[in-house]
Each structure stands twice: as structure tokens, then as C-alpha cells.
Amino acid sequence: MKRWNGWGEESTQYPLPATAAAYLADQVGPGLALEDADLSGVLDRVPGSRLPEHPLVTQAAIQRLRHARGQSLPDWVALRSGRIGTFPDGVAYPAGEEDIR
């Protein structure tokens, strides 16, 4: 399954090689090890939706979180830190072209 707060799959780890960490420390100084935001904590901060109920639109907090940001570096940093900012009120799942119209 795709990570909720970054790129790649949850089952795949992407450790930073020691040589890369040493190179970065030489170039920009020592880094800070920051903890990732906890999914349940972020979900608790998703505000209620302002939309009326609709059969093609979900108001589920997890879906709204997953659609709140894209895949750019600023988006990834926001997701990893848990500072999302804004959330969509709903996520539409049309079944076909007629639903889109």
C-alpha cells in the first residue's frame, strides 16, 4: 500500500546510506532527526466536511487526507510533519462519464 505521508510503498524502507549522510553533513552541516507525524493524530485534526451527503462523494477523513496534498517536495514535507493546512471537503468517485457531467 502507498504511504500516506510520502512517496513509495509502506513495506519498502529507504534508509540514507552512511556515506550520503556524511556527504550531506560536510556540505550543509549536521541534520536533525525529526519524527514523522502519526496518522491517527493527523486524522484527528481533519475538520468536518461542509458538503451535503452525496452517493458519489466520500467525506471520510482518510480519503480527504490522502487527497489534501500532491507529490511535490513541499507537499511531502507537509505530510511528513503533519502540517497539512487545508483539506478537501470531499472526494468524488464518479462511476462513469454520466456521473462527471
Protein backbone atom coordinates (compact mmCIF):
# COMPACT_ATOMS: atom_id res chain seq x y z
CA MET A 1 0.00 0.00 0.00
CA LYS A 2 1.16 3.54 -0.78
CA ARG A 3 2.48 5.56 2.15
CA TRP A 4 0.00 8.13 3.44
CA ASN A 5 2.74 10.71 4.05
CA GLY A 6 5.24 10.36 1.25
CA TRP A 7 6.50 8.54 -1.78
CA GLY A 8 6.66 4.79 -2.22
CA GLU A 9 5.19 1.74 -0.59
CA GLU A 10 4.76 1.29 3.17
CA SER A 11 6.58 -2.05 3.06
CA THR A 12 9.70 -0.57 1.45
CA GLN A 13 12.25 1.27 3.58
CA TYR A 14 14.56 3.90 2.11
CA PRO A 15 17.43 4.29 4.59
CA LEU A 16 20.00 7.00 3.91
CA PRO A 17 23.40 5.39 3.34
CA ALA A 18 26.08 6.42 5.83
CA THR A 19 28.25 7.80 3.02
CA ALA A 20 25.40 10.03 1.86
CA ALA A 21 24.76 11.24 5.42
CA ALA A 22 28.46 12.07 5.79
CA TYR A 23 28.48 13.93 2.47
CA LEU A 24 25.41 15.97 3.41
CA ALA A 25 26.89 16.78 6.84
CA ASP A 26 30.04 18.05 5.11
CA GLN A 27 28.02 20.18 2.70
CA VAL A 28 25.26 21.64 4.89
CA GLY A 29 26.05 20.63 8.46
CA PRO A 30 24.52 18.02 10.72
CA GLY A 31 20.84 17.28 10.23
CA LEU A 32 18.06 16.92 12.72
CA ALA A 33 16.22 13.65 13.10
CA LEU A 34 12.56 14.65 13.09
CA GLU A 35 9.80 12.24 13.91
CA ASP A 36 7.10 11.62 11.32
CA ALA A 37 3.59 12.75 12.14
CA ASP A 38 1.33 10.00 13.43
CA LEU A 39 -1.53 9.08 11.08
CA SER A 40 -4.13 8.90 13.85
CA GLY A 41 -3.06 12.30 15.18
CA VAL A 42 -3.36 13.90 11.75
CA LEU A 43 -6.76 12.26 11.16
CA ASP A 44 -7.97 13.75 14.45
CA ARG A 45 -7.23 17.21 13.01
CA VAL A 46 -9.25 16.76 9.80
CA PRO A 47 -12.19 19.17 10.18
CA GLY A 48 -15.75 18.17 9.44
CA SER A 49 -16.93 18.43 5.86
CA ARG A 50 -19.22 21.25 4.80
CA LEU A 51 -20.75 19.23 1.96
CA PRO A 52 -24.17 17.63 1.99
CA GLU A 53 -24.22 13.83 1.72
CA HIS A 54 -23.90 12.52 -1.84
CA PRO A 55 -23.60 8.90 -3.01
CA LEU A 56 -20.57 9.64 -5.24
CA VAL A 57 -18.65 11.76 -2.73
CA THR A 58 -16.92 10.43 0.35
CA GLN A 59 -16.36 12.62 3.36
CA ALA A 60 -14.13 10.04 5.06
CA ALA A 61 -11.22 11.71 6.86
CA ILE A 62 -8.61 9.26 5.48
CA GLN A 63 -9.63 9.90 1.87
CA ARG A 64 -9.71 13.64 2.40
CA LEU A 65 -6.23 13.46 3.96
CA ARG A 66 -4.89 11.37 1.07
CA HIS A 67 -6.19 13.99 -1.40
CA ALA A 68 -5.15 17.08 0.60
CA ARG A 69 -1.66 17.29 -0.91
CA GLY A 70 0.21 16.24 -4.03
CA GLN A 71 3.66 14.72 -4.52
CA SER A 72 5.90 17.80 -4.65
CA LEU A 73 8.64 18.28 -2.07
CA PRO A 74 6.65 20.95 -0.15
CA ASP A 75 3.64 18.60 -0.13
CA TRP A 76 5.78 15.72 1.12
CA VAL A 77 7.29 17.87 3.89
CA ALA A 78 3.80 19.00 4.96
CA LEU A 79 2.57 15.40 5.10
CA ARG A 80 5.61 14.12 6.98
CA SER A 81 5.31 16.93 9.54
CA GLY A 82 1.52 16.64 9.86
CA ARG A 83 1.05 20.31 8.94
CA ILE A 84 -1.43 19.83 6.13
CA GLY A 85 -3.13 23.23 6.16
CA THR A 86 -6.32 22.61 4.23
CA PHE A 87 -8.36 19.55 3.37
CA PRO A 88 -10.92 18.97 0.65
CA ASP A 89 -14.48 18.72 1.95
CA GLY A 90 -14.99 15.54 -0.03
CA VAL A 91 -13.51 13.26 -2.66
CA ALA A 92 -15.67 12.34 -5.65
CA TYR A 93 -15.63 8.85 -7.14
CA PRO A 94 -17.65 9.01 -10.37
CA ALA A 95 -18.53 5.65 -11.89
CA GLY A 96 -18.61 6.90 -15.48
CA GLU A 97 -18.86 9.87 -17.82
CA GLU A 98 -22.52 10.46 -16.95
CA ASP A 99 -21.58 10.96 -13.29
CA ILE A 100 -18.96 13.51 -14.29
CA ARG A 101 -21.48 15.53 -16.29
